[in-house]
Amino acid sequence: MTFFTYPDERLDTLDDAGAIAAVLPLAGERAQHLYSVYSQTRPDATPTQRLAAMLTDRFRVGSIRMAERKAALGRPCLDVSVRFRL
């Protein structure tokens, strides 16, 4: 369970198929492949942890792209990543 997924207790028992189904509205036909990549790069993670990573990476990747575009224009930018574990 993560802070991001805390409100939904159904995620405590989520399996691989459920995680793929949860990301299907966002990733469409690429959902299975996307989950496969996250499974390969996070072999010890639970399906809920992989789903949380996929959902939060949507925001992180957008921020990185924005910073890259600003940097390409010679504009100042700051990209900060914070990881927090209890």
PDB file of N, CA and C in Angstrom:
ATOM      1  N   MET A   1       0.839  -1.170   0.000  1.00  0.00           N
ATOM      2  CA  MET A   1       0.000   0.000   0.000  1.00  0.00           C
ATOM      3  C   MET A   1       0.887   1.235   0.000  1.00  0.00           C
ATOM      4  N   THR A   2       0.545   2.206  -0.814  1.00  0.00           N
ATOM      5  CA  THR A   2       1.279   3.461  -0.870  1.00  0.00           C
ATOM      6  C   THR A   2       0.331   4.597  -0.531  1.00  0.00           C
ATOM      7  N   PHE A   3       0.883   5.753  -0.263  1.00  0.00           N
ATOM      8  CA  PHE A   3       0.040   6.919  -0.007  1.00  0.00           C
ATOM      9  C   PHE A   3      -0.871   7.167  -1.192  1.00  0.00           C
ATOM     10  N   PHE A   4      -0.340   6.966  -2.390  1.00  0.00           N
ATOM     11  CA  PHE A   4      -1.099   7.220  -3.613  1.00  0.00           C
ATOM     12  C   PHE A   4      -2.296   6.280  -3.735  1.00  0.00           C
ATOM     13  N   THR A   5      -2.155   5.043  -3.281  1.00  0.00           N
ATOM     14  CA  THR A   5      -3.215   4.054  -3.428  1.00  0.00           C
ATOM     15  C   THR A   5      -3.998   3.817  -2.145  1.00  0.00           C
ATOM     16  N   TYR A   6      -3.687   4.536  -1.077  1.00  0.00           N
ATOM     17  CA  TYR A   6      -4.280   4.297   0.234  1.00  0.00           C
ATOM     18  C   TYR A   6      -5.809   4.295   0.255  1.00  0.00           C
ATOM     19  N   PRO A   7      -6.492   5.202  -0.420  1.00  0.00           N
ATOM     20  CA  PRO A   7      -7.941   5.261  -0.266  1.00  0.00           C
ATOM     21  C   PRO A   7      -8.694   4.007  -0.734  1.00  0.00           C
ATOM     22  N   ASP A   8      -8.091   3.164  -1.515  1.00  0.00           N
ATOM     23  CA  ASP A   8      -8.797   2.022  -2.094  1.00  0.00           C
ATOM     24  C   ASP A   8      -8.249   0.708  -1.541  1.00  0.00           C
ATOM     25  N   GLU A   9      -8.942   0.148  -0.567  1.00  0.00           N
ATOM     26  CA  GLU A   9      -8.471  -1.081   0.072  1.00  0.00           C
ATOM     27  C   GLU A   9      -8.528  -2.299  -0.845  1.00  0.00           C
ATOM     28  N   ARG A  10      -9.262  -2.221  -1.947  1.00  0.00           N
ATOM     29  CA  ARG A  10      -9.288  -3.332  -2.905  1.00  0.00           C
ATOM     30  C   ARG A  10      -7.911  -3.590  -3.490  1.00  0.00           C
ATOM     31  N   LEU A  11      -7.061  -2.584  -3.464  1.00  0.00           N
ATOM     32  CA  LEU A  11      -5.725  -2.734  -4.025  1.00  0.00           C
ATOM     33  C   LEU A  11      -4.838  -3.640  -3.176  1.00  0.00           C
ATOM     34  N   ASP A  12      -5.255  -3.918  -1.954  1.00  0.00           N
ATOM     35  CA  ASP A  12      -4.483  -4.826  -1.088  1.00  0.00           C
ATOM     36  C   ASP A  12      -4.402  -6.229  -1.674  1.00  0.00           C
ATOM     37  N   THR A  13      -5.401  -6.630  -2.433  1.00  0.00           N
ATOM     38  CA  THR A  13      -5.454  -7.988  -2.987  1.00  0.00           C
ATOM     39  C   THR A  13      -5.376  -7.983  -4.511  1.00  0.00           C
ATOM     40  N   LEU A  14      -4.893  -6.901  -5.085  1.00  0.00           N
ATOM     41  CA  LEU A  14      -4.813  -6.775  -6.537  1.00  0.00           C
ATOM     42  C   LEU A  14      -3.842  -7.796  -7.122  1.00  0.00           C
ATOM     43  N   ASP A  15      -4.243  -8.428  -8.219  1.00  0.00           N
ATOM     44  CA  ASP A  15      -3.344  -9.343  -8.918  1.00  0.00           C
ATOM     45  C   ASP A  15      -2.902  -8.707 -10.231  1.00  0.00           C
ATOM     46  N   ASP A  16      -2.076  -9.421 -10.990  1.00  0.00           N
ATOM     47  CA  ASP A  16      -1.552  -8.878 -12.251  1.00  0.00           C
ATOM     48  C   ASP A  16      -2.672  -8.486 -13.210  1.00  0.00           C
ATOM     49  N   ALA A  17      -3.661  -9.362 -13.360  1.00  0.00           N
ATOM     50  CA  ALA A  17      -4.767  -9.074 -14.284  1.00  0.00           C
ATOM     51  C   ALA A  17      -5.530  -7.821 -13.849  1.00  0.00           C
ATOM     52  N   GLY A  18      -5.714  -7.667 -12.547  1.00  0.00           N
ATOM     53  CA  GLY A  18      -6.406  -6.487 -12.044  1.00  0.00           C
ATOM     54  C   GLY A  18      -5.625  -5.208 -12.284  1.00  0.00           C
ATOM     55  N   ALA A  19      -4.303  -5.281 -12.147  1.00  0.00           N
ATOM     56  CA  ALA A  19      -3.464  -4.108 -12.397  1.00  0.00           C
ATOM     57  C   ALA A  19      -3.509  -3.718 -13.871  1.00  0.00           C
ATOM     58  N   ILE A  20      -3.480  -4.713 -14.741  1.00  0.00           N
ATOM     59  CA  ILE A  20      -3.567  -4.442 -16.183  1.00  0.00           C
ATOM     60  C   ILE A  20      -4.915  -3.820 -16.507  1.00  0.00           C
ATOM     61  N   ALA A  21      -5.976  -4.359 -15.931  1.00  0.00           N
ATOM     62  CA  ALA A  21      -7.316  -3.810 -16.163  1.00  0.00           C
ATOM     63  C   ALA A  21      -7.418  -2.372 -15.668  1.00  0.00           C
ATOM     64  N   ALA A  22      -6.752  -2.058 -14.553  1.00  0.00           N
ATOM     65  CA  ALA A  22      -6.794  -0.704 -13.998  1.00  0.00           C
ATOM     66  C   ALA A  22      -6.095   0.313 -14.886  1.00  0.00           C
ATOM     67  N   VAL A  23      -5.054  -0.105 -15.579  1.00  0.00           N
ATOM     68  CA  VAL A  23      -4.302   0.818 -16.432  1.00  0.00           C
ATOM     69  C   VAL A  23      -4.846   0.839 -17.874  1.00  0.00           C
ATOM     70  N   LEU A  24      -5.723  -0.085 -18.191  1.00  0.00           N
ATOM     71  CA  LEU A  24      -6.283  -0.183 -19.544  1.00  0.00           C
ATOM     72  C   LEU A  24      -6.931   1.120 -20.028  1.00  0.00           C
ATOM     73  N   PRO A  25      -7.719   1.824 -19.202  1.00  0.00           N
ATOM     74  CA  PRO A  25      -8.306   3.076 -19.698  1.00  0.00           C
ATOM     75  C   PRO A  25      -7.276   4.144 -20.064  1.00  0.00           C
ATOM     76  N   LEU A  26      -6.107   4.079 -19.455  1.00  0.00           N
ATOM     77  CA  LEU A  26      -5.066   5.071 -19.719  1.00  0.00           C
ATOM     78  C   LEU A  26      -4.125   4.651 -20.843  1.00  0.00           C
ATOM     79  N   ALA A  27      -3.838   3.360 -20.925  1.00  0.00           N
ATOM     80  CA  ALA A  27      -2.833   2.880 -21.870  1.00  0.00           C
ATOM     81  C   ALA A  27      -3.431   2.171 -23.089  1.00  0.00           C
ATOM     82  N   GLY A  28      -4.715   1.837 -23.016  1.00  0.00           N
ATOM     83  CA  GLY A  28      -5.352   1.168 -24.148  1.00  0.00           C
ATOM     84  C   GLY A  28      -4.693  -0.158 -24.468  1.00  0.00           C
ATOM     85  N   GLU A  29      -4.498  -0.394 -25.751  1.00  0.00           N
ATOM     86  CA  GLU A  29      -3.943  -1.678 -26.195  1.00  0.00           C
ATOM     87  C   GLU A  29      -2.502  -1.900 -25.737  1.00  0.00           C
ATOM     88  N   ARG A  30      -1.842  -0.865 -25.244  1.00  0.00           N
ATOM     89  CA  ARG A  30      -0.468  -0.992 -24.745  1.00  0.00           C
ATOM     90  C   ARG A  30      -0.408  -1.398 -23.274  1.00  0.00           C
ATOM     91  N   ALA A  31      -1.548  -1.572 -22.622  1.00  0.00           N
ATOM     92  CA  ALA A  31      -1.578  -1.853 -21.185  1.00  0.00           C
ATOM     93  C   ALA A  31      -0.798  -3.111 -20.822  1.00  0.00           C
ATOM     94  N   GLN A  32      -0.986  -4.183 -21.553  1.00  0.00           N
ATOM     95  CA  GLN A  32      -0.291  -5.439 -21.251  1.00  0.00           C
ATOM     96  C   GLN A  32       1.223  -5.256 -21.393  1.00  0.00           C
ATOM     97  N   HIS A  33       1.645  -4.610 -22.472  1.00  0.00           N
ATOM     98  CA  HIS A  33       3.080  -4.390 -22.682  1.00  0.00           C
ATOM     99  C   HIS A  33       3.649  -3.486 -21.590  1.00  0.00           C
ATOM    100  N   LEU A  34       2.943  -2.429 -21.265  1.00  0.00           N
ATOM    101  CA  LEU A  34       3.389  -1.505 -20.230  1.00  0.00           C
ATOM    102  C   LEU A  34       3.569  -2.237 -18.901  1.00  0.00           C
ATOM    103  N   TYR A  35       2.592  -3.038 -18.536  1.00  0.00           N
ATOM    104  CA  TYR A  35       2.696  -3.785 -17.276  1.00  0.00           C
ATOM    105  C   TYR A  35       3.857  -4.768 -17.325  1.00  0.00           C
ATOM    106  N   SER A  36       4.088  -5.362 -18.471  1.00  0.00           N
ATOM    107  CA  SER A  36       5.207  -6.295 -18.642  1.00  0.00           C
ATOM    108  C   SER A  36       6.546  -5.588 -18.396  1.00  0.00           C
ATOM    109  N   VAL A  37       6.682  -4.394 -18.920  1.00  0.00           N
ATOM    110  CA  VAL A  37       7.921  -3.622 -18.723  1.00  0.00           C
ATOM    111  C   VAL A  37       8.118  -3.305 -17.241  1.00  0.00           C
ATOM    112  N   TYR A  38       7.066  -2.858 -16.582  1.00  0.00           N
ATOM    113  CA  TYR A  38       7.171  -2.553 -15.160  1.00  0.00           C
ATOM    114  C   TYR A  38       7.446  -3.815 -14.343  1.00  0.00           C
ATOM    115  N   SER A  39       6.933  -4.953 -14.775  1.00  0.00           N
ATOM    116  CA  SER A  39       7.207  -6.225 -14.086  1.00  0.00           C
ATOM    117  C   SER A  39       8.675  -6.612 -14.226  1.00  0.00           C
ATOM    118  N   GLN A  40       9.248  -6.369 -15.407  1.00  0.00           N
ATOM    119  CA  GLN A  40      10.649  -6.709 -15.644  1.00  0.00           C
ATOM    120  C   GLN A  40      11.586  -5.787 -14.862  1.00  0.00           C
ATOM    121  N   THR A  41      11.221  -4.521 -14.773  1.00  0.00           N
ATOM    122  CA  THR A  41      12.106  -3.560 -14.095  1.00  0.00           C
ATOM    123  C   THR A  41      11.868  -3.514 -12.595  1.00  0.00           C
ATOM    124  N   ARG A  42      10.777  -4.126 -12.147  1.00  0.00           N
ATOM    125  CA  ARG A  42      10.450  -4.172 -10.719  1.00  0.00           C
ATOM    126  C   ARG A  42      10.022  -5.588 -10.339  1.00  0.00           C
ATOM    127  N   PRO A  43      10.922  -6.557 -10.462  1.00  0.00           N
ATOM    128  CA  PRO A  43      10.534  -7.964 -10.257  1.00  0.00           C
ATOM    129  C   PRO A  43      10.067  -8.285  -8.838  1.00  0.00           C
ATOM    130  N   ASP A  44      10.493  -7.526  -7.849  1.00  0.00           N
ATOM    131  CA  ASP A  44      10.102  -7.802  -6.468  1.00  0.00           C
ATOM    132  C   ASP A  44       8.876  -7.014  -6.023  1.00  0.00           C
ATOM    133  N   ALA A  45       8.347  -6.176  -6.897  1.00  0.00           N
ATOM    134  CA  ALA A  45       7.195  -5.341  -6.548  1.00  0.00           C
ATOM    135  C   ALA A  45       5.897  -6.137  -6.638  1.00  0.00           C
ATOM    136  N   THR A  46       4.935  -5.736  -5.840  1.00  0.00           N
ATOM    137  CA  THR A  46       3.603  -6.335  -5.910  1.00  0.00           C
ATOM    138  C   THR A  46       2.839  -5.696  -7.079  1.00  0.00           C
ATOM    139  N   PRO A  47       1.752  -6.307  -7.520  1.00  0.00           N
ATOM    140  CA  PRO A  47       0.947  -5.682  -8.567  1.00  0.00           C
ATOM    141  C   PRO A  47       0.483  -4.271  -8.179  1.00  0.00           C
ATOM    142  N   THR A  48       0.153  -4.058  -6.912  1.00  0.00           N
ATOM    143  CA  THR A  48      -0.263  -2.727  -6.468  1.00  0.00           C
ATOM    144  C   THR A  48       0.887  -1.731  -6.572  1.00  0.00           C
ATOM    145  N   GLN A  49       2.085  -2.150  -6.210  1.00  0.00           N
ATOM    146  CA  GLN A  49       3.240  -1.263  -6.316  1.00  0.00           C
ATOM    147  C   GLN A  49       3.546  -0.934  -7.774  1.00  0.00           C
ATOM    148  N   ARG A  50       3.409  -1.911  -8.647  1.00  0.00           N
ATOM    149  CA  ARG A  50       3.629  -1.652 -10.079  1.00  0.00           C
ATOM    150  C   ARG A  50       2.580  -0.694 -10.617  1.00  0.00           C
ATOM    151  N   LEU A  51       1.327  -0.901 -10.235  1.00  0.00           N
ATOM    152  CA  LEU A  51       0.268   0.000 -10.685  1.00  0.00           C
ATOM    153  C   LEU A  51       0.524   1.422 -10.192  1.00  0.00           C
ATOM    154  N   ALA A  52       0.887   1.570  -8.929  1.00  0.00           N
ATOM    155  CA  ALA A  52       1.183   2.900  -8.385  1.00  0.00           C
ATOM    156  C   ALA A  52       2.336   3.547  -9.144  1.00  0.00           C
ATOM    157  N   ALA A  53       3.352   2.767  -9.490  1.00  0.00           N
ATOM    158  CA  ALA A  53       4.482   3.302 -10.258  1.00  0.00           C
ATOM    159  C   ALA A  53       4.033   3.770 -11.634  1.00  0.00           C
ATOM    160  N   MET A  54       3.203   2.974 -12.288  1.00  0.00           N
ATOM    161  CA  MET A  54       2.718   3.355 -13.624  1.00  0.00           C
ATOM    162  C   MET A  54       1.895   4.641 -13.557  1.00  0.00           C
ATOM    163  N   LEU A  55       1.034   4.740 -12.568  1.00  0.00           N
ATOM    164  CA  LEU A  55       0.167   5.911 -12.464  1.00  0.00           C
ATOM    165  C   LEU A  55       0.944   7.167 -12.082  1.00  0.00           C
ATOM    166  N   THR A  56       1.888   7.046 -11.161  1.00  0.00           N
ATOM    167  CA  THR A  56       2.647   8.230 -10.754  1.00  0.00           C
ATOM    168  C   THR A  56       3.682   8.628 -11.806  1.00  0.00           C
ATOM    169  N   ASP A  57       4.181   7.669 -12.571  1.00  0.00           N
ATOM    170  CA  ASP A  57       5.143   8.000 -13.630  1.00  0.00           C
ATOM    171  C   ASP A  57       4.508   8.867 -14.715  1.00  0.00           C
ATOM    172  N   ARG A  58       3.205   8.795 -14.856  1.00  0.00           N
ATOM    173  CA  ARG A  58       2.532   9.666 -15.832  1.00  0.00           C
ATOM    174  C   ARG A  58       2.840  11.129 -15.523  1.00  0.00           C
ATOM    175  N   PHE A  59       2.845  11.482 -14.244  1.00  0.00           N
ATOM    176  CA  PHE A  59       3.127  12.863 -13.844  1.00  0.00           C
ATOM    177  C   PHE A  59       4.620  13.160 -13.952  1.00  0.00           C
ATOM    178  N   ARG A  60       5.435  12.227 -13.523  1.00  0.00           N
ATOM    179  CA  ARG A  60       6.891  12.426 -13.511  1.00  0.00           C
ATOM    180  C   ARG A  60       7.428  12.604 -14.927  1.00  0.00           C
ATOM    181  N   VAL A  61       6.990  11.764 -15.847  1.00  0.00           N
ATOM    182  CA  VAL A  61       7.473  11.841 -17.224  1.00  0.00           C
ATOM    183  C   VAL A  61       7.063  13.165 -17.858  1.00  0.00           C
ATOM    184  N   GLY A  62       5.861  13.625 -17.591  1.00  0.00           N
ATOM    185  CA  GLY A  62       5.424  14.919 -18.119  1.00  0.00           C
ATOM    186  C   GLY A  62       6.291  16.060 -17.613  1.00  0.00           C
ATOM    187  N   SER A  63       6.660  15.998 -16.347  1.00  0.00           N
ATOM    188  CA  SER A  63       7.519  17.034 -15.770  1.00  0.00           C
ATOM    189  C   SER A  63       8.909  17.006 -16.381  1.00  0.00           C
ATOM    190  N   ILE A  64       9.433  15.814 -16.604  1.00  0.00           N
ATOM    191  CA  ILE A  64      10.753  15.686 -17.232  1.00  0.00           C
ATOM    192  C   ILE A  64      10.721  16.246 -18.646  1.00  0.00           C
ATOM    193  N   ARG A  65       9.689  15.918 -19.394  1.00  0.00           N
ATOM    194  CA  ARG A  65       9.588  16.447 -20.771  1.00  0.00           C
ATOM    195  C   ARG A  65       9.507  17.967 -20.791  1.00  0.00           C
ATOM    196  N   MET A  66       8.762  18.530 -19.849  1.00  0.00           N
ATOM    197  CA  MET A  66       8.658  19.979 -19.780  1.00  0.00           C
ATOM    198  C   MET A  66      10.020  20.601 -19.478  1.00  0.00           C
ATOM    199  N   ALA A  67      10.754  20.026 -18.547  1.00  0.00           N
ATOM    200  CA  ALA A  67      12.081  20.538 -18.203  1.00  0.00           C
ATOM    201  C   ALA A  67      13.025  20.422 -19.399  1.00  0.00           C
ATOM    202  N   GLU A  68      12.956  19.320 -20.124  1.00  0.00           N
ATOM    203  CA  GLU A  68      13.809  19.146 -21.307  1.00  0.00           C
ATOM    204  C   GLU A  68      13.501  20.193 -22.368  1.00  0.00           C
ATOM    205  N   ARG A  69      12.231  20.493 -22.558  1.00  0.00           N
ATOM    206  CA  ARG A  69      11.856  21.509 -23.558  1.00  0.00           C
ATOM    207  C   ARG A  69      12.357  22.892 -23.150  1.00  0.00           C
ATOM    208  N   LYS A  70      12.229  23.225 -21.875  1.00  0.00           N
ATOM    209  CA  LYS A  70      12.731  24.520 -21.405  1.00  0.00           C
ATOM    210  C   LYS A  70      14.243  24.597 -21.564  1.00  0.00           C
ATOM    211  N   ALA A  71      14.931  23.520 -21.201  1.00  0.00           N
ATOM    212  CA  ALA A  71      16.389  23.505 -21.315  1.00  0.00           C
ATOM    213  C   ALA A  71      16.813  23.649 -22.769  1.00  0.00           C
ATOM    214  N   ALA A  72      16.080  23.017 -23.686  1.00  0.00           N
ATOM    215  CA  ALA A  72      16.412  23.115 -25.113  1.00  0.00           C
ATOM    216  C   ALA A  72      16.276  24.542 -25.622  1.00  0.00           C
ATOM    217  N   LEU A  73      15.424  25.329 -24.980  1.00  0.00           N
ATOM    218  CA  LEU A  73      15.244  26.735 -25.356  1.00  0.00           C
ATOM    219  C   LEU A  73      16.211  27.655 -24.610  1.00  0.00           C
ATOM    220  N   GLY A  74      17.060  27.047 -23.770  1.00  0.00           N
ATOM    221  CA  GLY A  74      18.014  27.835 -23.003  1.00  0.00           C
ATOM    222  C   GLY A  74      17.385  28.509 -21.795  1.00  0.00           C
ATOM    223  N   ARG A  75      16.201  28.080 -21.412  1.00  0.00           N
ATOM    224  CA  ARG A  75      15.522  28.663 -20.265  1.00  0.00           C
ATOM    225  C   ARG A  75      15.896  27.897 -18.997  1.00  0.00           C
ATOM    226  N   PRO A  76      15.953  28.585 -17.885  1.00  0.00           N
ATOM    227  CA  PRO A  76      16.284  27.901 -16.630  1.00  0.00           C
ATOM    228  C   PRO A  76      15.170  26.929 -16.231  1.00  0.00           C
ATOM    229  N   CYS A  77      15.578  25.803 -15.712  1.00  0.00           N
ATOM    230  CA  CYS A  77      14.594  24.827 -15.240  1.00  0.00           C
ATOM    231  C   CYS A  77      15.207  24.024 -14.100  1.00  0.00           C
ATOM    232  N   LEU A  78      14.351  23.470 -13.304  1.00  0.00           N
ATOM    233  CA  LEU A  78      14.778  22.669 -12.169  1.00  0.00           C
ATOM    234  C   LEU A  78      13.932  21.406 -12.146  1.00  0.00           C
ATOM    235  N   ASP A  79      14.581  20.283 -12.082  1.00  0.00           N
ATOM    236  CA  ASP A  79      13.878  19.003 -12.028  1.00  0.00           C
ATOM    237  C   ASP A  79      14.262  18.323 -10.715  1.00  0.00           C
ATOM    238  N   VAL A  80      13.299  18.164  -9.832  1.00  0.00           N
ATOM    239  CA  VAL A  80      13.540  17.595  -8.517  1.00  0.00           C
ATOM    240  C   VAL A  80      12.706  16.333  -8.358  1.00  0.00           C
ATOM    241  N   SER A  81      13.332  15.280  -7.884  1.00  0.00           N
ATOM    242  CA  SER A  81      12.620  14.033  -7.627  1.00  0.00           C
ATOM    243  C   SER A  81      12.781  13.683  -6.155  1.00  0.00           C
ATOM    244  N   VAL A  82      11.685  13.379  -5.496  1.00  0.00           N
ATOM    245  CA  VAL A  82      11.712  13.050  -4.084  1.00  0.00           C
ATOM    246  C   VAL A  82      11.099  11.680  -3.876  1.00  0.00           C
ATOM    247  N   ARG A  83      11.803  10.822  -3.168  1.00  0.00           N
ATOM    248  CA  ARG A  83      11.280   9.492  -2.814  1.00  0.00           C
ATOM    249  C   ARG A  83      11.134   9.437  -1.318  1.00  0.00           C
ATOM    250  N   PHE A  84      10.009   8.946  -0.882  1.00  0.00           N
ATOM    251  CA  PHE A  84       9.741   8.881   0.540  1.00  0.00           C
ATOM    252  C   PHE A  84       9.273   7.487   0.893  1.00  0.00           C
ATOM    253  N   ARG A  85       9.882   6.886   1.880  1.00  0.00           N
ATOM    254  CA  ARG A  85       9.485   5.559   2.354  1.00  0.00           C
ATOM    255  C   ARG A  85       9.308   5.610   3.850  1.00  0.00           C
ATOM    256  N   LEU A  86       8.298   4.923   4.305  1.00  0.00           N
ATOM    257  CA  LEU A  86       8.086   4.800   5.755  1.00  0.00           C
ATOM    258  C   LEU A  86       8.837   3.606   6.276  1.00  0.00           C
TER     259      LEU A  86
END
